[in-house]
Amino acid sequence: MKLINIGFGNLVSAERIVSILSPESAPIKRMIQDVRDRGLLIDASFGRSTKAVIVTDSGNLILSSLTPEVLAQRAQE
């Protein structure tokens, strides 16, 4: 199992990641709010600005302060 560092020592299984998105668009912001209301949001940004949203195959969303480009590069290594 490959683990990806998503910032601040937090790790996510690479096999569980469906997509890595930028949180800037309105549909993504609505998706974050919907998942937060259902209790499936994991905020791993430690209070910093969210630069990436990781979608997992279990329906969870993980917020990260790293950019999608950095996370994609780490996933490919």
Protein backbone atom coordinates (compact mmCIF):
# COMPACT_ATOMS: atom_id res chain seq x y z
CA MET A 1 0.00 0.00 0.00
CA LYS A 2 1.39 3.38 -1.04
CA LEU A 3 0.79 6.35 1.27
CA ILE A 4 0.94 9.97 0.09
CA ASN A 5 1.92 12.81 2.41
CA ILE A 6 -0.82 15.45 2.07
CA GLY A 7 0.83 17.92 4.45
CA PHE A 8 1.60 18.28 8.15
CA GLY A 9 2.46 14.59 8.47
CA ASN A 10 -0.95 13.40 7.27
CA LEU A 11 -1.01 10.42 4.91
CA VAL A 12 -3.63 9.08 2.51
CA SER A 13 -3.65 5.75 0.70
CA ALA A 14 -2.96 6.35 -3.00
CA GLU A 15 -5.26 3.47 -3.97
CA ARG A 16 -8.27 5.20 -2.36
CA ILE A 17 -7.90 8.53 -4.24
CA VAL A 18 -10.41 9.08 -7.04
CA SER A 19 -9.45 12.67 -7.91
CA ILE A 20 -7.61 15.76 -6.70
CA LEU A 21 -9.48 19.00 -7.33
CA SER A 22 -8.99 22.73 -6.91
CA PRO A 23 -11.51 24.20 -4.43
CA GLU A 24 -12.00 27.46 -6.35
CA SER A 25 -15.19 26.73 -8.33
CA ALA A 26 -18.71 27.07 -6.96
CA PRO A 27 -19.66 23.41 -7.65
CA ILE A 28 -16.68 22.18 -5.64
CA LYS A 29 -17.55 24.56 -2.78
CA ARG A 30 -21.12 23.19 -2.79
CA MET A 31 -19.76 19.63 -2.80
CA ILE A 32 -17.56 20.45 0.23
CA GLN A 33 -20.55 21.89 2.10
CA ASP A 34 -22.74 18.86 1.27
CA VAL A 35 -20.08 16.43 2.48
CA ARG A 36 -19.49 18.54 5.61
CA ASP A 37 -23.22 18.34 6.40
CA ARG A 38 -23.09 14.52 6.06
CA GLY A 39 -20.05 14.29 8.35
CA LEU A 40 -17.68 12.91 5.72
CA LEU A 41 -15.28 15.87 5.48
CA ILE A 42 -11.71 15.54 6.75
CA ASP A 43 -9.90 18.87 7.14
CA ALA A 44 -6.16 18.21 7.00
CA SER A 45 -5.27 21.83 6.22
CA PHE A 46 -4.64 22.73 9.90
CA GLY A 47 -6.34 26.11 9.55
CA ARG A 48 -4.41 27.17 6.47
CA SER A 49 -6.06 28.01 3.17
CA THR A 50 -7.39 24.98 1.31
CA LYS A 51 -5.66 24.55 -2.03
CA ALA A 52 -6.71 20.99 -2.89
CA VAL A 53 -9.70 18.73 -2.33
CA ILE A 54 -9.03 14.99 -2.42
CA VAL A 55 -12.01 12.79 -3.32
CA THR A 56 -11.82 9.20 -2.09
CA ASP A 57 -13.65 6.09 -3.25
CA SER A 58 -15.47 5.94 0.11
CA GLY A 59 -17.16 9.32 -0.50
CA ASN A 60 -14.97 11.26 1.90
CA LEU A 61 -13.43 14.60 0.96
CA ILE A 62 -10.06 15.56 2.37
CA LEU A 63 -8.97 19.20 2.41
CA SER A 64 -5.26 19.90 2.01
CA SER A 65 -3.16 23.05 2.07
CA LEU A 66 -0.91 21.65 -0.67
CA THR A 67 -1.67 22.38 -4.32
CA PRO A 68 -3.16 19.72 -6.60
CA GLU A 69 0.04 19.78 -8.67
CA VAL A 70 2.21 18.91 -5.65
CA LEU A 71 -0.17 16.13 -4.58
CA ALA A 72 -0.30 14.69 -8.11
CA GLN A 73 3.48 14.68 -8.26
CA ARG A 74 3.68 12.86 -4.93
CA ALA A 75 1.11 10.33 -6.10
CA GLN A 76 3.13 9.55 -9.23
CA GLU A 77 6.41 8.98 -7.35
